[in-house]
Amino acid sequence: AGAEKARQSAAATVKRTKEMIGMKYT
């Protein structure tokens, strides 16, 4: 349950990080 809560926040951060770096190809 703790990992599921943490991953919601973490996934959003990593997604935005990669987009800002330019790692969005599709």
PDB file of all heavy atoms in Angstrom:
ATOM      1  N   ALA A   1       0.834  -1.207   0.000  1.00  0.00           N
ATOM      2  CA  ALA A   1       0.000   0.000   0.000  1.00  0.00           C
ATOM      3  C   ALA A   1       0.870   1.260   0.000  1.00  0.00           C
ATOM      4  O   ALA A   1       0.573   2.236  -0.705  1.00  0.00           O
ATOM      5  CB  ALA A   1      -0.930   0.002   1.214  1.00  0.00           C
ATOM      6  N   GLY A   2       1.960   1.238   0.786  1.00  0.00           N
ATOM      7  CA  GLY A   2       2.856   2.387   0.846  1.00  0.00           C
ATOM      8  C   GLY A   2       3.534   2.641  -0.488  1.00  0.00           C
ATOM      9  O   GLY A   2       3.667   3.790  -0.925  1.00  0.00           O
ATOM     10  N   ALA A   3       3.959   1.547  -1.162  1.00  0.00           N
ATOM     11  CA  ALA A   3       4.606   1.689  -2.469  1.00  0.00           C
ATOM     12  C   ALA A   3       3.639   2.257  -3.502  1.00  0.00           C
ATOM     13  O   ALA A   3       4.023   3.083  -4.340  1.00  0.00           O
ATOM     14  CB  ALA A   3       5.146   0.340  -2.934  1.00  0.00           C
ATOM     15  N   GLU A   4       2.385   1.833  -3.433  1.00  0.00           N
ATOM     16  CA  GLU A   4       1.380   2.353  -4.377  1.00  0.00           C
ATOM     17  C   GLU A   4       1.176   3.855  -4.186  1.00  0.00           C
ATOM     18  O   GLU A   4       1.090   4.618  -5.153  1.00  0.00           O
ATOM     19  CB  GLU A   4       0.062   1.603  -4.210  1.00  0.00           C
ATOM     20  CG  GLU A   4       0.106   0.185  -4.761  1.00  0.00           C
ATOM     21  CD  GLU A   4      -1.147  -0.621  -4.440  1.00  0.00           C
ATOM     22  OE1 GLU A   4      -2.032  -0.094  -3.728  1.00  0.00           O
ATOM     23  OE2 GLU A   4      -1.236  -1.782  -4.902  1.00  0.00           O
ATOM     24  N   LYS A   5       1.110   4.305  -2.922  1.00  0.00           N
ATOM     25  CA  LYS A   5       0.976   5.744  -2.648  1.00  0.00           C
ATOM     26  C   LYS A   5       2.202   6.499  -3.172  1.00  0.00           C
ATOM     27  O   LYS A   5       2.087   7.535  -3.823  1.00  0.00           O
ATOM     28  CB  LYS A   5       0.857   5.991  -1.133  1.00  0.00           C
ATOM     29  CG  LYS A   5      -0.465   5.624  -0.507  1.00  0.00           C
ATOM     30  CD  LYS A   5      -0.414   6.012   0.978  1.00  0.00           C
ATOM     31  CE  LYS A   5      -1.544   5.396   1.780  1.00  0.00           C
ATOM     32  NZ  LYS A   5      -1.420   5.684   3.224  1.00  0.00           N
ATOM     33  N   ALA A   6       3.377   5.968  -2.862  1.00  0.00           N
ATOM     34  CA  ALA A   6       4.613   6.639  -3.240  1.00  0.00           C
ATOM     35  C   ALA A   6       4.781   6.690  -4.752  1.00  0.00           C
ATOM     36  O   ALA A   6       5.261   7.689  -5.310  1.00  0.00           O
ATOM     37  CB  ALA A   6       5.809   5.940  -2.595  1.00  0.00           C
ATOM     38  N   ARG A   7       4.371   5.624  -5.435  1.00  0.00           N
ATOM     39  CA  ARG A   7       4.575   5.566  -6.887  1.00  0.00           C
ATOM     40  C   ARG A   7       3.682   6.551  -7.630  1.00  0.00           C
ATOM     41  O   ARG A   7       4.034   6.996  -8.729  1.00  0.00           O
ATOM     42  CB  ARG A   7       4.366   4.149  -7.402  1.00  0.00           C
ATOM     43  CG  ARG A   7       5.445   3.172  -6.959  1.00  0.00           C
ATOM     44  CD  ARG A   7       5.482   1.923  -7.812  1.00  0.00           C
ATOM     45  NE  ARG A   7       5.963   2.219  -9.157  1.00  0.00           N
ATOM     46  CZ  ARG A   7       6.012   1.322 -10.136  1.00  0.00           C
ATOM     47  NH1 ARG A   7       5.593   0.079  -9.926  1.00  0.00           N
ATOM     48  NH2 ARG A   7       6.467   1.665 -11.332  1.00  0.00           N
ATOM     49  N   GLN A   8       2.540   6.885  -7.066  1.00  0.00           N
ATOM     50  CA  GLN A   8       1.691   7.895  -7.706  1.00  0.00           C
ATOM     51  C   GLN A   8       2.447   9.215  -7.817  1.00  0.00           C
ATOM     52  O   GLN A   8       2.482   9.857  -8.868  1.00  0.00           O
ATOM     53  CB  GLN A   8       0.403   8.092  -6.907  1.00  0.00           C
ATOM     54  CG  GLN A   8      -0.583   6.948  -7.023  1.00  0.00           C
ATOM     55  CD  GLN A   8      -1.857   7.206  -6.224  1.00  0.00           C
ATOM     56  OE1 GLN A   8      -2.091   8.314  -5.748  1.00  0.00           O
ATOM     57  NE2 GLN A   8      -2.672   6.182  -6.066  1.00  0.00           N
ATOM     58  N   SER A   9       3.043   9.629  -6.710  1.00  0.00           N
ATOM     59  CA  SER A   9       3.822  10.863  -6.683  1.00  0.00           C
ATOM     60  C   SER A   9       5.083  10.721  -7.525  1.00  0.00           C
ATOM     61  O   SER A   9       5.419  11.604  -8.329  1.00  0.00           O
ATOM     62  CB  SER A   9       4.193  11.203  -5.236  1.00  0.00           C
ATOM     63  OG  SER A   9       5.148  12.224  -5.169  1.00  0.00           O
ATOM     64  N   ALA A  10       5.767   9.593  -7.378  1.00  0.00           N
ATOM     65  CA  ALA A  10       7.050   9.379  -8.052  1.00  0.00           C
ATOM     66  C   ALA A  10       6.899   9.326  -9.564  1.00  0.00           C
ATOM     67  O   ALA A  10       7.690   9.923 -10.309  1.00  0.00           O
ATOM     68  CB  ALA A  10       7.680   8.080  -7.541  1.00  0.00           C
ATOM     69  N   ALA A  11       5.886   8.638 -10.045  1.00  0.00           N
ATOM     70  CA  ALA A  11       5.690   8.492 -11.487  1.00  0.00           C
ATOM     71  C   ALA A  11       5.422   9.844 -12.139  1.00  0.00           C
ATOM     72  O   ALA A  11       5.934  10.134 -13.232  1.00  0.00           O
ATOM     73  CB  ALA A  11       4.537   7.531 -11.757  1.00  0.00           C
ATOM     74  N   ALA A  12       4.641  10.679 -11.466  1.00  0.00           N
ATOM     75  CA  ALA A  12       4.335  12.006 -12.008  1.00  0.00           C
ATOM     76  C   ALA A  12       5.607  12.843 -12.111  1.00  0.00           C
ATOM     77  O   ALA A  12       5.818  13.557 -13.096  1.00  0.00           O
ATOM     78  CB  ALA A  12       3.304  12.703 -11.131  1.00  0.00           C
ATOM     79  N   THR A  13       6.471  12.747 -11.089  1.00  0.00           N
ATOM     80  CA  THR A  13       7.718  13.519 -11.097  1.00  0.00           C
ATOM     81  C   THR A  13       8.655  13.045 -12.194  1.00  0.00           C
ATOM     82  O   THR A  13       9.224  13.855 -12.938  1.00  0.00           O
ATOM     83  CB  THR A  13       8.424  13.418  -9.731  1.00  0.00           C
ATOM     84  OG1 THR A  13       7.586  13.994  -8.727  1.00  0.00           O
ATOM     85  CG2 THR A  13       9.760  14.145  -9.743  1.00  0.00           C
ATOM     86  N   VAL A  14       8.839  11.734 -12.312  1.00  0.00           N
ATOM     87  CA  VAL A  14       9.764  11.205 -13.324  1.00  0.00           C
ATOM     88  C   VAL A  14       9.257  11.507 -14.731  1.00  0.00           C
ATOM     89  O   VAL A  14      10.027  11.870 -15.626  1.00  0.00           O
ATOM     90  CB  VAL A  14       9.985   9.692 -13.119  1.00  0.00           C
ATOM     91  CG1 VAL A  14      10.723   9.083 -14.303  1.00  0.00           C
ATOM     92  CG2 VAL A  14      10.772   9.446 -11.833  1.00  0.00           C
ATOM     93  N   LYS A  15       7.955  11.390 -14.941  1.00  0.00           N
ATOM     94  CA  LYS A  15       7.369  11.697 -16.254  1.00  0.00           C
ATOM     95  C   LYS A  15       7.666  13.140 -16.647  1.00  0.00           C
ATOM     96  O   LYS A  15       8.110  13.429 -17.758  1.00  0.00           O
ATOM     97  CB  LYS A  15       5.859  11.453 -16.211  1.00  0.00           C
ATOM     98  CG  LYS A  15       5.120  11.748 -17.520  1.00  0.00           C
ATOM     99  CD  LYS A  15       3.649  11.353 -17.392  1.00  0.00           C
ATOM    100  CE  LYS A  15       2.881  11.581 -18.707  1.00  0.00           C
ATOM    101  NZ  LYS A  15       2.712  13.019 -19.006  1.00  0.00           N
ATOM    102  N   ARG A  16       7.439  14.058 -15.705  1.00  0.00           N
ATOM    103  CA  ARG A  16       7.671  15.467 -15.990  1.00  0.00           C
ATOM    104  C   ARG A  16       9.160  15.747 -16.169  1.00  0.00           C
ATOM    105  O   ARG A  16       9.560  16.542 -17.032  1.00  0.00           O
ATOM    106  CB  ARG A  16       7.108  16.313 -14.837  1.00  0.00           C
ATOM    107  CG  ARG A  16       7.153  17.807 -15.103  1.00  0.00           C
ATOM    108  CD  ARG A  16       6.217  18.188 -16.238  1.00  0.00           C
ATOM    109  NE  ARG A  16       6.368  19.605 -16.588  1.00  0.00           N
ATOM    110  CZ  ARG A  16       6.560  20.048 -17.824  1.00  0.00           C
ATOM    111  NH1 ARG A  16       6.622  19.198 -18.828  1.00  0.00           N
ATOM    112  NH2 ARG A  16       6.674  21.338 -18.061  1.00  0.00           N
ATOM    113  N   THR A  17      10.001  15.091 -15.364  1.00  0.00           N
ATOM    114  CA  THR A  17      11.451  15.260 -15.489  1.00  0.00           C
ATOM    115  C   THR A  17      11.922  14.884 -16.882  1.00  0.00           C
ATOM    116  O   THR A  17      12.662  15.634 -17.545  1.00  0.00           O
ATOM    117  CB  THR A  17      12.190  14.402 -14.442  1.00  0.00           C
ATOM    118  OG1 THR A  17      11.748  14.752 -13.132  1.00  0.00           O
ATOM    119  CG2 THR A  17      13.693  14.588 -14.529  1.00  0.00           C
ATOM    120  N   LYS A  18      11.492  13.725 -17.357  1.00  0.00           N
ATOM    121  CA  LYS A  18      11.923  13.241 -18.674  1.00  0.00           C
ATOM    122  C   LYS A  18      11.394  14.132 -19.793  1.00  0.00           C
ATOM    123  O   LYS A  18      12.100  14.405 -20.773  1.00  0.00           O
ATOM    124  CB  LYS A  18      11.464  11.791 -18.861  1.00  0.00           C
ATOM    125  CG  LYS A  18      12.200  10.824 -17.925  1.00  0.00           C
ATOM    126  CD  LYS A  18      11.586   9.446 -17.898  1.00  0.00           C
ATOM    127  CE  LYS A  18      11.850   8.680 -19.156  1.00  0.00           C
ATOM    128  NZ  LYS A  18      11.342   7.280 -19.050  1.00  0.00           N
ATOM    129  N   GLU A  19      10.158  14.596 -19.647  1.00  0.00           N
ATOM    130  CA  GLU A  19       9.596  15.496 -20.662  1.00  0.00           C
ATOM    131  C   GLU A  19      10.412  16.781 -20.756  1.00  0.00           C
ATOM    132  O   GLU A  19      10.701  17.266 -21.860  1.00  0.00           O
ATOM    133  CB  GLU A  19       8.144  15.831 -20.314  1.00  0.00           C
ATOM    134  CG  GLU A  19       7.167  14.693 -20.547  1.00  0.00           C
ATOM    135  CD  GLU A  19       5.766  15.005 -20.036  1.00  0.00           C
ATOM    136  OE1 GLU A  19       5.585  16.044 -19.355  1.00  0.00           O
ATOM    137  OE2 GLU A  19       4.861  14.200 -20.306  1.00  0.00           O
ATOM    138  N   MET A  20      10.807  17.334 -19.612  1.00  0.00           N
ATOM    139  CA  MET A  20      11.552  18.592 -19.609  1.00  0.00           C
ATOM    140  C   MET A  20      12.962  18.419 -20.164  1.00  0.00           C
ATOM    141  O   MET A  20      13.523  19.331 -20.781  1.00  0.00           O
ATOM    142  CB  MET A  20      11.581  19.178 -18.192  1.00  0.00           C
ATOM    143  CG  MET A  20      10.203  19.603 -17.706  1.00  0.00           C
ATOM    144  SD  MET A  20      10.170  20.214 -16.010  1.00  0.00           S
ATOM    145  CE  MET A  20      10.878  21.849 -16.225  1.00  0.00           C
ATOM    146  N   ILE A  21      13.537  17.226 -19.955  1.00  0.00           N
ATOM    147  CA  ILE A  21      14.857  16.929 -20.517  1.00  0.00           C
ATOM    148  C   ILE A  21      14.771  16.770 -22.037  1.00  0.00           C
ATOM    149  O   ILE A  21      15.737  17.023 -22.760  1.00  0.00           O
ATOM    150  CB  ILE A  21      15.443  15.654 -19.856  1.00  0.00           C
ATOM    151  CG1 ILE A  21      15.820  15.950 -18.400  1.00  0.00           C
ATOM    152  CG2 ILE A  21      16.649  15.133 -20.609  1.00  0.00           C
ATOM    153  CD1 ILE A  21      16.210  14.728 -17.598  1.00  0.00           C
ATOM    154  N   GLY A  22      13.586  16.369 -22.523  1.00  0.00           N
ATOM    155  CA  GLY A  22      13.392  16.138 -23.950  1.00  0.00           C
ATOM    156  C   GLY A  22      13.135  14.680 -24.287  1.00  0.00           C
ATOM    157  O   GLY A  22      13.043  14.298 -25.464  1.00  0.00           O
ATOM    158  N   MET A  23      12.985  13.853 -23.249  1.00  0.00           N
ATOM    159  CA  MET A  23      12.764  12.417 -23.468  1.00  0.00           C
ATOM    160  C   MET A  23      11.279  12.121 -23.654  1.00  0.00           C
ATOM    161  O   MET A  23      10.651  11.391 -22.869  1.00  0.00           O
ATOM    162  CB  MET A  23      13.313  11.627 -22.265  1.00  0.00           C
ATOM    163  CG  MET A  23      14.813  11.698 -22.134  1.00  0.00           C
ATOM    164  SD  MET A  23      15.385  10.826 -20.659  1.00  0.00           S
ATOM    165  CE  MET A  23      17.144  10.743 -20.968  1.00  0.00           C
ATOM    166  N   LYS A  24      10.715  12.705 -24.681  1.00  0.00           N
ATOM    167  CA  LYS A  24       9.324  12.421 -25.044  1.00  0.00           C
ATOM    168  C   LYS A  24       9.284  12.323 -26.565  1.00  0.00           C
ATOM    169  O   LYS A  24       9.414  13.323 -27.271  1.00  0.00           O
ATOM    170  CB  LYS A  24       8.395  13.531 -24.552  1.00  0.00           C
ATOM    171  CG  LYS A  24       6.915  13.223 -24.825  1.00  0.00           C
ATOM    172  CD  LYS A  24       6.029  14.337 -24.312  1.00  0.00           C
ATOM    173  CE  LYS A  24       4.548  13.991 -24.587  1.00  0.00           C
ATOM    174  NZ  LYS A  24       3.647  15.088 -24.148  1.00  0.00           N
ATOM    175  N   TYR A  25       9.118  11.120 -27.027  1.00  0.00           N
ATOM    176  CA  TYR A  25       9.312  10.866 -28.467  1.00  0.00           C
ATOM    177  C   TYR A  25       8.034  10.474 -29.200  1.00  0.00           C
ATOM    178  O   TYR A  25       8.012  10.404 -30.417  1.00  0.00           O
ATOM    179  CB  TYR A  25      10.370   9.777 -28.668  1.00  0.00           C
ATOM    180  CG  TYR A  25      11.648  10.075 -27.892  1.00  0.00           C
ATOM    181  CD1 TYR A  25      12.067   9.253 -26.850  1.00  0.00           C
ATOM    182  CD2 TYR A  25      12.424  11.192 -28.193  1.00  0.00           C
ATOM    183  CE1 TYR A  25      13.226   9.533 -26.136  1.00  0.00           C
ATOM    184  CE2 TYR A  25      13.590  11.485 -27.503  1.00  0.00           C
ATOM    185  CZ  TYR A  25      13.972  10.655 -26.470  1.00  0.00           C
ATOM    186  OH  TYR A  25      15.123  10.943 -25.767  1.00  0.00           O
ATOM    187  N   THR A  26       6.989  10.190 -28.445  1.00  0.00           N
ATOM    188  CA  THR A  26       5.722   9.817 -29.085  1.00  0.00           C
ATOM    189  C   THR A  26       4.606  10.654 -28.484  1.00  0.00           C
ATOM    190  O   THR A  26       4.696  11.124 -27.352  1.00  0.00           O
ATOM    191  CB  THR A  26       5.403   8.315 -28.879  1.00  0.00           C
ATOM    192  OG1 THR A  26       5.344   8.043 -27.488  1.00  0.00           O
ATOM    193  CG2 THR A  26       6.450   7.445 -29.538  1.00  0.00           C
TER     194      THR A  26
END
